[in-house]
N, C-alpha and C. Protein backbone atom coordinates (compact mmCIF):
# COMPACT_ATOMS: atom_id res chain seq x y z
N SER A 1 6.19 50.40 -49.63
CA SER A 1 7.44 50.34 -48.92
C SER A 1 8.09 51.17 -49.87
N GLY A 2 9.44 51.55 -48.61
CA GLY A 2 10.46 52.84 -49.20
C GLY A 2 11.64 51.95 -50.10
N LEU A 3 12.43 52.77 -50.72
CA LEU A 3 13.29 52.56 -52.10
C LEU A 3 14.19 51.62 -50.58
N GLY A 4 14.30 50.31 -51.27
CA GLY A 4 15.24 49.07 -50.94
C GLY A 4 14.32 48.69 -50.08
N ALA A 5 13.46 48.67 -49.65
CA ALA A 5 12.73 47.92 -48.46
C ALA A 5 12.31 46.84 -48.56
N LYS A 6 12.26 45.83 -47.60
CA LYS A 6 11.54 44.48 -48.45
C LYS A 6 10.74 44.16 -48.07
N PRO A 7 10.01 42.86 -48.95
CA PRO A 7 8.31 43.27 -49.08
C PRO A 7 7.86 43.16 -47.38
N SER A 8 6.51 43.29 -47.20
CA SER A 8 5.76 44.08 -46.09
C SER A 8 4.50 43.54 -46.13
N GLN A 9 3.90 43.13 -45.37
CA GLN A 9 2.53 42.69 -44.72
C GLN A 9 1.88 43.80 -43.90
N ILE A 10 0.96 44.26 -44.70
CA ILE A 10 -0.20 45.15 -43.94
C ILE A 10 -1.70 44.37 -43.60
N GLN A 11 -1.54 44.50 -42.05
CA GLN A 11 -3.23 43.93 -41.78
C GLN A 11 -4.47 44.79 -41.60
N SER A 12 -5.43 45.02 -42.49
CA SER A 12 -6.40 45.61 -42.97
C SER A 12 -7.59 44.84 -42.07
N GLY A 13 -8.39 45.10 -41.23
CA GLY A 13 -9.20 44.46 -40.53
C GLY A 13 -8.91 42.51 -40.65
N GLN A 14 -10.60 42.69 -41.61
CA GLN A 14 -9.72 40.30 -41.97
C GLN A 14 -8.89 40.48 -42.71
N SER A 15 -8.72 41.86 -43.43
CA SER A 15 -7.39 41.61 -44.36
C SER A 15 -6.33 41.56 -44.46
N LEU A 16 -5.45 40.94 -45.04
CA LEU A 16 -3.58 40.89 -44.86
C LEU A 16 -3.36 40.88 -46.46
N TYR A 17 -2.43 42.24 -46.44
CA TYR A 17 -2.19 42.79 -47.95
C TYR A 17 -0.59 41.97 -47.68
N TYR A 18 -0.36 41.99 -48.93
CA TYR A 18 1.61 42.30 -49.22
C TYR A 18 1.94 42.99 -50.10
N CYS A 19 2.96 43.98 -49.52
CA CYS A 19 2.99 44.90 -50.44
C CYS A 19 4.65 44.48 -50.89
N GLU A 20 5.12 44.69 -52.18
CA GLU A 20 6.27 44.73 -52.76
C GLU A 20 6.53 45.96 -53.56
N LYS A 21 7.22 46.69 -53.90
CA LYS A 21 8.05 47.76 -54.67
C LYS A 21 8.47 47.20 -55.76
N LEU A 22 7.66 47.22 -57.27
CA LEU A 22 8.06 46.47 -57.86
C LEU A 22 8.99 47.29 -59.03
N ILE A 23 8.94 48.53 -59.20
CA ILE A 23 9.96 49.19 -59.71
C ILE A 23 10.68 50.26 -58.78
N GLU A 24 11.86 50.57 -59.24
CA GLU A 24 12.40 51.80 -58.76
C GLU A 24 13.08 52.54 -59.34
N ALA A 25 12.56 53.66 -59.22
CA ALA A 25 12.98 54.74 -59.92
C ALA A 25 14.77 55.05 -59.94
N GLY A 26 15.21 55.60 -61.48
CA GLY A 26 16.27 55.34 -61.40
C GLY A 26 16.92 57.01 -60.70
N MET A 27 18.36 57.26 -60.23
CA MET A 27 18.49 57.57 -59.67
C MET A 27 19.35 58.72 -60.73
N VAL A 28 19.12 60.75 -60.43
CA VAL A 28 19.44 61.58 -61.37
C VAL A 28 20.99 62.00 -60.35
N TYR A 29 22.55 61.73 -61.65
CA TYR A 29 23.63 61.69 -60.58
C TYR A 29 24.16 62.65 -61.47
N ILE A 30 23.92 64.48 -60.57
CA ILE A 30 24.70 65.65 -61.23
C ILE A 30 25.81 65.69 -60.78
N PHE A 31 26.54 65.55 -61.93
CA PHE A 31 28.20 65.79 -61.45
C PHE A 31 28.40 67.40 -61.72
N GLY A 32 28.47 68.33 -60.20
CA GLY A 32 28.82 69.89 -60.75
C GLY A 32 27.83 70.09 -59.24
N GLY A 33 28.17 70.93 -58.45
CA GLY A 33 27.57 71.37 -57.11
C GLY A 33 27.23 72.45 -57.41
N GLY A 34 27.45 73.67 -58.94
CA GLY A 34 27.04 75.06 -58.27
C GLY A 34 25.87 75.37 -58.72
N HIS A 35 25.49 76.66 -58.96
CA HIS A 35 24.33 76.95 -59.12
C HIS A 35 23.51 76.37 -59.95
N VAL A 36 23.45 76.45 -61.39
CA VAL A 36 22.44 75.62 -61.82
C VAL A 36 22.02 74.13 -60.89
N ALA A 37 23.04 73.52 -60.29
CA ALA A 37 22.70 72.49 -59.70
C ALA A 37 22.10 72.43 -58.65
N GLN A 38 22.22 73.74 -58.11
CA GLN A 38 21.35 73.55 -56.88
C GLN A 38 19.78 74.29 -56.66
N ALA A 39 19.84 74.48 -58.03
CA ALA A 39 18.33 75.34 -58.77
C ALA A 39 17.93 73.54 -59.34
N LEU A 40 18.91 72.59 -59.62
CA LEU A 40 17.94 71.22 -60.51
C LEU A 40 17.52 70.64 -59.26
N VAL A 41 18.00 70.64 -57.73
CA VAL A 41 17.79 69.52 -57.33
C VAL A 41 16.21 70.03 -57.01
N PRO A 42 16.11 70.89 -56.48
CA PRO A 42 14.52 71.34 -55.86
C PRO A 42 13.67 70.67 -57.12
N ALA A 43 14.01 71.04 -58.53
CA ALA A 43 13.00 71.28 -58.96
C ALA A 43 13.05 69.71 -59.14
N LEU A 44 13.79 68.87 -59.15
CA LEU A 44 13.50 67.29 -59.70
C LEU A 44 12.57 66.71 -58.83
N SER A 45 12.89 66.86 -57.52
CA SER A 45 12.91 66.39 -56.58
C SER A 45 11.24 66.92 -56.15
N ALA A 46 10.62 67.62 -56.65
CA ALA A 46 9.24 68.44 -56.77
C ALA A 46 8.47 67.36 -57.77
N VAL A 47 9.30 66.93 -58.68
CA VAL A 47 8.69 66.06 -59.38
C VAL A 47 8.95 64.65 -59.29
N ASP A 48 9.32 64.10 -58.07
CA ASP A 48 9.42 62.42 -58.20
C ASP A 48 10.78 61.93 -58.70
N PHE A 49 12.15 62.85 -58.88
CA PHE A 49 13.42 62.01 -59.43
C PHE A 49 14.78 62.09 -58.21
N ARG A 50 14.95 60.88 -57.94
CA ARG A 50 15.77 60.96 -56.61
C ARG A 50 17.16 61.80 -57.48
N CYS A 51 17.41 62.86 -56.46
CA CYS A 51 18.78 63.31 -57.00
C CYS A 51 19.77 62.64 -55.54
N THR A 52 21.54 62.59 -56.89
CA THR A 52 22.81 62.11 -55.63
C THR A 52 23.84 63.89 -56.90
N VAL A 53 24.88 64.35 -55.82
CA VAL A 53 25.29 65.36 -56.31
C VAL A 53 26.76 64.89 -56.07
N LEU A 54 27.31 65.18 -56.88
CA LEU A 54 28.39 64.49 -57.05
C LEU A 54 30.03 65.56 -57.30
N GLU A 55 30.75 65.79 -56.50
CA GLU A 55 31.74 67.13 -56.94
C GLU A 55 33.02 66.74 -56.29
N ASP A 56 34.34 67.22 -56.70
CA ASP A 56 35.47 67.45 -56.22
C ASP A 56 35.91 68.02 -55.82
N ARG A 57 35.07 69.23 -55.26
CA ARG A 57 35.30 70.68 -54.56
C ARG A 57 34.19 70.56 -52.59
N GLU A 58 34.93 70.67 -52.31
CA GLU A 58 34.37 70.25 -50.87
C GLU A 58 33.29 72.01 -50.71
N ASP A 59 34.09 72.99 -50.92
CA ASP A 59 32.94 74.18 -51.06
C ASP A 59 31.25 73.71 -51.76
N PHE A 60 31.33 73.03 -52.47
CA PHE A 60 30.60 73.17 -53.38
C PHE A 60 29.83 71.55 -53.13
N CYS A 61 30.25 70.92 -52.44
CA CYS A 61 29.74 69.62 -52.16
C CYS A 61 29.02 69.32 -50.99
N ARG A 62 28.84 70.59 -50.16
CA ARG A 62 28.17 70.31 -48.58
C ARG A 62 26.28 70.21 -48.75
N LYS A 63 26.13 69.09 -48.15
CA LYS A 63 24.96 68.44 -48.04
C LYS A 63 23.73 69.88 -47.83
N GLU A 64 23.90 70.53 -47.06
CA GLU A 64 23.26 71.90 -46.84
C GLU A 64 22.85 72.87 -47.96
N LEU A 65 23.59 72.23 -48.90
CA LEU A 65 23.41 72.90 -50.34
C LEU A 65 22.28 72.17 -50.82
N PHE A 66 22.32 71.14 -50.58
CA PHE A 66 21.25 70.34 -51.84
C PHE A 66 20.12 69.45 -50.60
N PRO A 67 19.20 70.00 -49.51
CA PRO A 67 18.67 69.37 -48.56
C PRO A 67 18.11 68.39 -49.50
N GLN A 68 17.28 68.26 -50.81
CA GLN A 68 16.45 67.85 -51.28
C GLN A 68 16.87 66.32 -51.51
N ALA A 69 18.64 66.37 -51.79
CA ALA A 69 18.83 65.20 -52.33
C ALA A 69 19.63 64.08 -51.31
N GLU A 70 19.73 63.00 -52.00
CA GLU A 70 19.82 61.92 -51.43
C GLU A 70 20.97 61.65 -50.45
N ALA A 71 22.01 62.28 -51.65
CA ALA A 71 23.33 62.76 -50.95
C ALA A 71 24.14 63.54 -51.70
N ALA A 72 25.06 64.41 -51.07
CA ALA A 72 26.40 65.30 -51.96
C ALA A 72 27.32 64.35 -52.02
N ILE A 73 27.79 63.61 -52.54
CA ILE A 73 29.52 63.01 -52.16
C ILE A 73 30.59 63.90 -53.35
N LEU A 74 31.73 64.00 -52.38
CA LEU A 74 32.65 64.51 -52.62
C LEU A 74 34.02 63.45 -53.58
N ILE A 75 34.37 63.55 -54.54
CA ILE A 75 34.72 62.54 -55.58
C ILE A 75 35.72 63.25 -56.49
N ASP A 76 36.73 62.10 -57.07
CA ASP A 76 37.81 62.17 -57.84
C ASP A 76 37.19 62.08 -59.25
N ASN A 77 36.71 62.71 -59.74
CA ASN A 77 36.37 62.88 -60.98
C ASN A 77 37.29 61.95 -61.89
N THR A 78 38.25 61.49 -61.88
CA THR A 78 38.63 60.69 -62.82
C THR A 78 39.06 59.28 -62.40
N ARG A 79 37.60 59.49 -61.12
CA ARG A 79 37.58 57.66 -60.49
C ARG A 79 36.30 57.22 -59.98
N VAL A 80 34.89 57.77 -60.85
CA VAL A 80 33.82 58.33 -60.88
C VAL A 80 33.50 56.91 -59.91
N SER A 81 33.75 55.67 -60.38
CA SER A 81 33.20 53.96 -60.72
C SER A 81 33.64 53.51 -58.98
N ASP A 82 34.33 54.65 -58.49
CA ASP A 82 34.95 53.99 -57.16
C ASP A 82 34.03 54.63 -56.26
N PHE A 83 32.96 55.30 -56.43
CA PHE A 83 31.99 56.01 -55.65
C PHE A 83 30.54 55.46 -56.19
N ILE A 84 30.76 55.44 -56.93
CA ILE A 84 29.13 55.20 -57.43
C ILE A 84 28.61 53.88 -58.49
N THR A 85 27.57 53.44 -58.39
CA THR A 85 27.93 52.39 -59.70
C THR A 85 26.47 53.09 -60.63
N ILE A 86 26.46 52.98 -61.64
CA ILE A 86 25.31 53.56 -62.61
C ILE A 86 24.84 52.57 -63.20
N ARG A 87 23.32 52.46 -62.99
CA ARG A 87 23.03 51.97 -63.55
C ARG A 87 22.10 52.30 -65.11
N GLU A 88 21.27 50.98 -65.77
CA GLU A 88 20.53 51.16 -66.68
C GLU A 88 19.47 52.65 -66.93
N ASP A 89 18.91 52.57 -65.28
CA ASP A 89 17.68 53.20 -65.64
C ASP A 89 18.06 54.53 -64.39
N ASP A 90 19.75 54.56 -64.85
CA ASP A 90 19.57 56.11 -64.23
C ASP A 90 20.25 57.29 -65.12
N TYR A 91 20.30 58.73 -64.64
CA TYR A 91 20.40 58.98 -65.55
C TYR A 91 21.84 60.34 -64.82
N ILE A 92 22.60 61.02 -65.70
CA ILE A 92 23.45 61.60 -65.38
C ILE A 92 23.70 63.14 -66.15
N VAL A 93 23.94 63.92 -65.45
CA VAL A 93 24.00 64.90 -65.67
C VAL A 93 25.13 65.86 -65.30
N VAL A 94 26.13 66.00 -66.44
CA VAL A 94 27.31 66.91 -66.44
C VAL A 94 27.07 68.96 -66.21
N MET A 95 28.15 69.09 -65.20
CA MET A 95 27.61 70.69 -65.41
C MET A 95 28.79 70.67 -63.93
N THR A 96 30.09 70.49 -64.41
CA THR A 96 31.41 70.56 -63.75
C THR A 96 31.73 71.94 -64.36
N ARG A 97 32.80 72.58 -63.82
CA ARG A 97 32.83 73.92 -63.90
C ARG A 97 33.73 73.98 -64.91
N GLY A 98 34.17 72.77 -65.86
CA GLY A 98 34.81 73.25 -67.17
C GLY A 98 35.17 71.66 -68.33
N HIS A 99 35.50 72.51 -69.14
CA HIS A 99 36.03 71.36 -70.79
C HIS A 99 37.16 69.89 -69.69
N LYS A 100 37.79 70.61 -69.45
CA LYS A 100 38.54 69.26 -68.81
C LYS A 100 37.55 67.99 -67.51
N ASP A 101 37.02 68.91 -66.74
CA ASP A 101 36.08 68.08 -65.74
C ASP A 101 34.82 67.14 -67.02
N ASP A 102 34.33 68.12 -67.81
CA ASP A 102 33.06 67.49 -68.47
C ASP A 102 33.55 66.35 -69.54
N THR A 103 35.12 65.99 -69.88
CA THR A 103 35.81 65.53 -70.65
C THR A 103 35.57 64.10 -69.90
N LEU A 104 36.46 64.26 -68.30
CA LEU A 104 36.29 62.72 -67.96
C LEU A 104 35.26 61.96 -67.25
N ILE A 105 33.85 63.45 -67.18
CA ILE A 105 33.24 62.73 -67.08
C ILE A 105 32.29 61.76 -68.07
N GLN A 106 32.52 62.45 -68.82
CA GLN A 106 31.74 61.98 -70.19
C GLN A 106 32.23 60.45 -70.73
N ALA A 107 33.64 60.61 -70.36
CA ALA A 107 34.13 59.21 -70.94
C ALA A 107 33.79 58.62 -70.04
N GLN A 108 33.63 58.85 -68.48
CA GLN A 108 33.07 57.32 -67.71
C GLN A 108 32.11 57.29 -68.49
N ALA A 109 30.75 58.08 -68.21
CA ALA A 109 29.80 58.30 -68.44
C ALA A 109 29.38 57.67 -69.75
N LEU A 110 30.04 57.64 -70.85
CA LEU A 110 29.49 56.38 -72.27
C LEU A 110 29.92 55.23 -71.71
N LYS A 111 30.64 55.02 -70.38
CA LYS A 111 31.24 53.41 -70.46
C LYS A 111 30.14 52.64 -69.35
N THR A 112 28.68 53.13 -68.64
CA THR A 112 27.55 52.86 -68.14
C THR A 112 26.45 52.44 -69.12
N PRO A 113 26.04 51.90 -68.32
CA PRO A 113 24.28 51.53 -69.35
C PRO A 113 23.86 52.64 -68.65
N ALA A 114 23.91 54.14 -68.79
CA ALA A 114 22.29 54.85 -67.97
C ALA A 114 21.79 55.25 -69.16
N HIS A 115 20.53 55.12 -68.43
CA HIS A 115 19.46 55.67 -69.61
C HIS A 115 19.64 56.83 -70.50
N TYR A 116 20.37 58.06 -69.65
CA TYR A 116 20.24 59.56 -70.81
C TYR A 116 21.79 60.07 -69.63
N ILE A 117 22.39 60.33 -70.90
CA ILE A 117 23.91 61.72 -70.50
C ILE A 117 23.17 62.96 -70.93
N GLY A 118 23.26 64.06 -70.54
CA GLY A 118 22.98 65.06 -70.53
C GLY A 118 24.52 66.06 -69.95
N VAL A 119 24.91 66.93 -71.22
CA VAL A 119 25.76 68.00 -70.68
C VAL A 119 25.65 69.34 -70.53
N ILE A 120 25.29 70.07 -69.90
CA ILE A 120 25.17 71.85 -70.01
C ILE A 120 26.40 71.96 -71.00
N GLY A 121 25.98 73.25 -71.54
CA GLY A 121 27.31 73.47 -72.15
C GLY A 121 26.97 73.99 -73.94
N SER A 122 27.98 74.97 -74.46
CA SER A 122 27.82 75.82 -75.88
C SER A 122 28.28 74.41 -77.33
N ALA A 123 27.88 74.37 -78.08
CA ALA A 123 28.19 74.23 -79.38
C ALA A 123 29.66 73.94 -79.29
N ARG A 124 30.53 75.06 -79.32
CA ARG A 124 32.06 75.37 -79.50
C ARG A 124 32.56 74.53 -77.97
N LYS A 125 31.59 74.20 -76.86
CA LYS A 125 32.66 73.32 -75.60
C LYS A 125 32.69 71.80 -76.40
N THR A 126 30.83 71.52 -76.72
CA THR A 126 30.37 70.46 -77.00
C THR A 126 31.71 69.99 -77.89
N ALA A 127 31.86 70.88 -79.27
CA ALA A 127 32.52 70.31 -80.28
C ALA A 127 34.37 70.03 -79.45
N GLY A 128 34.98 70.40 -78.77
CA GLY A 128 36.36 70.70 -78.09
C GLY A 128 36.40 69.33 -77.27
N VAL A 129 34.65 69.00 -76.33
CA VAL A 129 34.70 67.82 -76.07
C VAL A 129 34.73 66.70 -76.58
N PHE A 130 34.05 66.56 -77.30
CA PHE A 130 33.59 65.41 -78.21
C PHE A 130 34.99 64.85 -79.31
N ALA A 131 36.07 66.30 -79.27
CA ALA A 131 36.83 65.88 -80.80
C ALA A 131 38.08 65.16 -79.44
N VAL A 132 38.28 65.65 -78.26
CA VAL A 132 39.00 64.04 -77.44
C VAL A 132 38.37 63.10 -77.31
N LEU A 133 37.08 63.42 -77.09
CA LEU A 133 36.10 61.81 -77.02
C LEU A 133 36.66 61.02 -77.78
N ARG A 134 36.66 61.37 -79.43
CA ARG A 134 37.08 60.86 -80.07
C ARG A 134 38.32 60.27 -80.51
N SER A 135 39.57 61.26 -79.88
CA SER A 135 41.00 60.85 -79.83
C SER A 135 40.80 59.93 -78.97
N GLN A 136 40.17 59.19 -77.96
CA GLN A 136 39.96 58.39 -77.14
C GLN A 136 39.44 57.04 -77.63
N GLY A 137 38.81 57.46 -78.68
CA GLY A 137 37.83 56.00 -79.39
C GLY A 137 36.47 55.87 -79.35
N PHE A 138 36.27 56.65 -78.95
CA PHE A 138 34.45 56.91 -78.82
C PHE A 138 34.03 57.52 -79.79
N THR A 139 33.20 56.37 -80.53
CA THR A 139 32.45 56.73 -81.92
C THR A 139 31.50 57.53 -81.93
N ASP A 140 30.91 57.91 -83.08
CA ASP A 140 30.23 58.67 -83.32
C ASP A 140 28.54 58.19 -82.66
N ARG A 141 28.84 56.95 -82.57
CA ARG A 141 27.47 56.09 -82.09
C ARG A 141 27.29 56.80 -80.76
N ASP A 142 28.30 56.31 -79.94
CA ASP A 142 28.82 56.23 -78.54
C ASP A 142 28.20 57.82 -78.63
N LEU A 143 28.78 58.84 -79.09
CA LEU A 143 28.55 60.64 -78.72
C LEU A 143 27.24 60.42 -79.07
N SER A 144 26.82 59.82 -79.67
CA SER A 144 25.07 60.27 -80.08
C SER A 144 23.99 60.27 -78.66
N ARG A 145 24.29 59.58 -77.67
CA ARG A 145 23.86 59.11 -76.81
C ARG A 145 24.02 60.12 -75.46
N ILE A 146 24.85 61.44 -75.97
CA ILE A 146 25.01 62.57 -75.20
C ILE A 146 23.90 63.50 -75.70
N THR A 147 22.89 64.39 -74.85
CA THR A 147 22.03 64.98 -75.00
C THR A 147 22.88 66.78 -74.76
N THR A 148 23.25 67.02 -75.23
CA THR A 148 24.02 68.73 -75.32
C THR A 148 23.33 69.30 -76.61
N PRO A 149 23.27 70.65 -75.79
CA PRO A 149 23.09 71.42 -74.50
C PRO A 149 21.67 70.37 -73.81
N ILE A 150 21.87 70.36 -73.01
CA ILE A 150 21.29 69.74 -71.83
C ILE A 150 19.51 70.93 -72.10
N GLY A 151 18.57 70.51 -71.60
CA GLY A 151 17.65 70.82 -71.05
C GLY A 151 16.81 71.32 -72.79
N LEU A 152 15.20 71.95 -72.80
CA LEU A 152 14.22 71.98 -73.66
C LEU A 152 14.68 73.10 -73.80
N ASP A 153 14.82 74.32 -75.26
CA ASP A 153 14.77 75.02 -75.24
C ASP A 153 14.08 75.85 -75.35
N ILE A 154 14.05 76.72 -74.43
CA ILE A 154 12.91 77.51 -73.95
C ILE A 154 13.21 79.10 -73.48
N GLY A 155 14.86 79.25 -74.08
CA GLY A 155 15.43 80.38 -74.21
C GLY A 155 15.65 80.59 -72.99
N SER A 156 16.00 79.71 -71.83
CA SER A 156 16.51 79.77 -70.31
C SER A 156 17.77 80.46 -70.01
N GLU A 157 17.94 81.51 -69.03
CA GLU A 157 19.10 82.20 -69.30
C GLU A 157 19.73 81.60 -67.49
N THR A 158 18.93 82.56 -66.55
CA THR A 158 19.01 82.06 -65.07
C THR A 158 18.95 80.21 -64.72
N PRO A 159 20.26 80.61 -63.40
CA PRO A 159 20.08 79.24 -63.30
C PRO A 159 18.65 78.09 -63.25
N ALA A 160 17.76 78.97 -62.79
CA ALA A 160 16.71 78.51 -62.39
C ALA A 160 15.76 77.94 -63.39
N GLU A 161 15.89 79.33 -64.27
CA GLU A 161 15.26 78.63 -65.58
C GLU A 161 15.49 77.32 -66.35
N ILE A 162 17.12 77.48 -66.54
CA ILE A 162 18.05 76.45 -66.62
C ILE A 162 17.46 75.21 -65.92
N ALA A 163 17.63 75.22 -64.73
CA ALA A 163 17.22 73.83 -63.93
C ALA A 163 15.58 73.83 -64.24
N VAL A 164 14.43 74.06 -64.58
CA VAL A 164 13.33 74.14 -64.92
C VAL A 164 13.23 73.39 -66.66
N SER A 165 14.73 74.01 -67.62
CA SER A 165 14.07 73.34 -69.14
C SER A 165 15.02 71.80 -69.13
N ILE A 166 16.01 71.52 -68.06
CA ILE A 166 16.31 70.57 -67.66
C ILE A 166 15.67 69.71 -67.23
N THR A 167 14.93 69.85 -65.94
CA THR A 167 13.96 69.47 -65.34
C THR A 167 12.22 69.27 -66.37
N ALA A 168 12.40 69.78 -67.35
CA ALA A 168 11.10 69.42 -68.40
C ALA A 168 11.47 68.43 -69.49
N GLN A 169 12.74 68.24 -69.50
CA GLN A 169 13.89 67.68 -70.61
C GLN A 169 13.24 66.08 -69.67
N LEU A 170 13.85 65.87 -69.13
CA LEU A 170 13.87 64.91 -67.98
C LEU A 170 12.74 64.55 -67.83
N ILE A 171 11.44 64.84 -67.41
CA ILE A 171 10.30 64.23 -67.59
C ILE A 171 9.82 63.71 -68.59
N GLN A 172 10.18 64.40 -69.75
CA GLN A 172 10.01 63.76 -71.27
C GLN A 172 10.69 62.53 -71.54
N VAL A 173 11.70 62.32 -70.91
CA VAL A 173 12.74 61.49 -70.98
C VAL A 173 11.89 60.05 -70.45
N ARG A 174 11.57 60.31 -69.32
CA ARG A 174 10.93 59.36 -67.88
C ARG A 174 9.65 59.03 -68.71
N ALA A 175 8.73 60.15 -69.32
CA ALA A 175 7.76 59.33 -69.88
C ALA A 175 7.65 58.81 -71.21
N ALA A 176 8.64 58.88 -72.01
CA ALA A 176 8.54 58.27 -72.94
C ALA A 176 9.25 56.89 -72.62
N ARG A 177 10.12 56.66 -71.70
CA ARG A 177 10.69 55.32 -71.00
C ARG A 177 9.64 54.51 -70.46
N ASN A 178 9.23 55.38 -69.05
CA ASN A 178 7.63 54.33 -68.92
C ASN A 178 6.14 54.10 -69.87
N HIS A 179 6.42 54.17 -71.04
CA HIS A 179 5.64 54.42 -72.00
C HIS A 179 6.02 53.33 -73.36
N SER A 180 7.43 52.91 -73.14
CA SER A 180 8.02 51.91 -74.10
C SER A 180 7.79 50.49 -73.96
């Protein structure tokens, strides 16, 4: 059965089968629609991750940029919960255009039960964002939920290589969760 589908019965010869999806895979919410996101969606889709791209710029939120994504949603970065509901089996990937937007998204992400929060960026950028988040009352324990820099350290540089490193990390996280 498809995602969100009701249970169904299938007749095969003399047998009647009852089919119901028991587990629905979490969504990967990708904040930012730039070059890395455009390479990430097909990489994640190829290994059975469901993706939704969220972007506040119309030019980077066109569905044709993300044909494999379930949706590309134009949002206001200050009000993420007005557009989506993040559940405990969901993944959040933050790759917006700058510190200000990253900070806004991370502050909201930390208030969700998301299984994984990953952020693209340098150690210097992370330190600056974490300082702001601490000033907003987030603790070191809260900040430990954030994986940054996102992706496995494979020496990636191009958007496609970065997408591969992020995809590999999400496969690793998913496998660990499925075996726990």
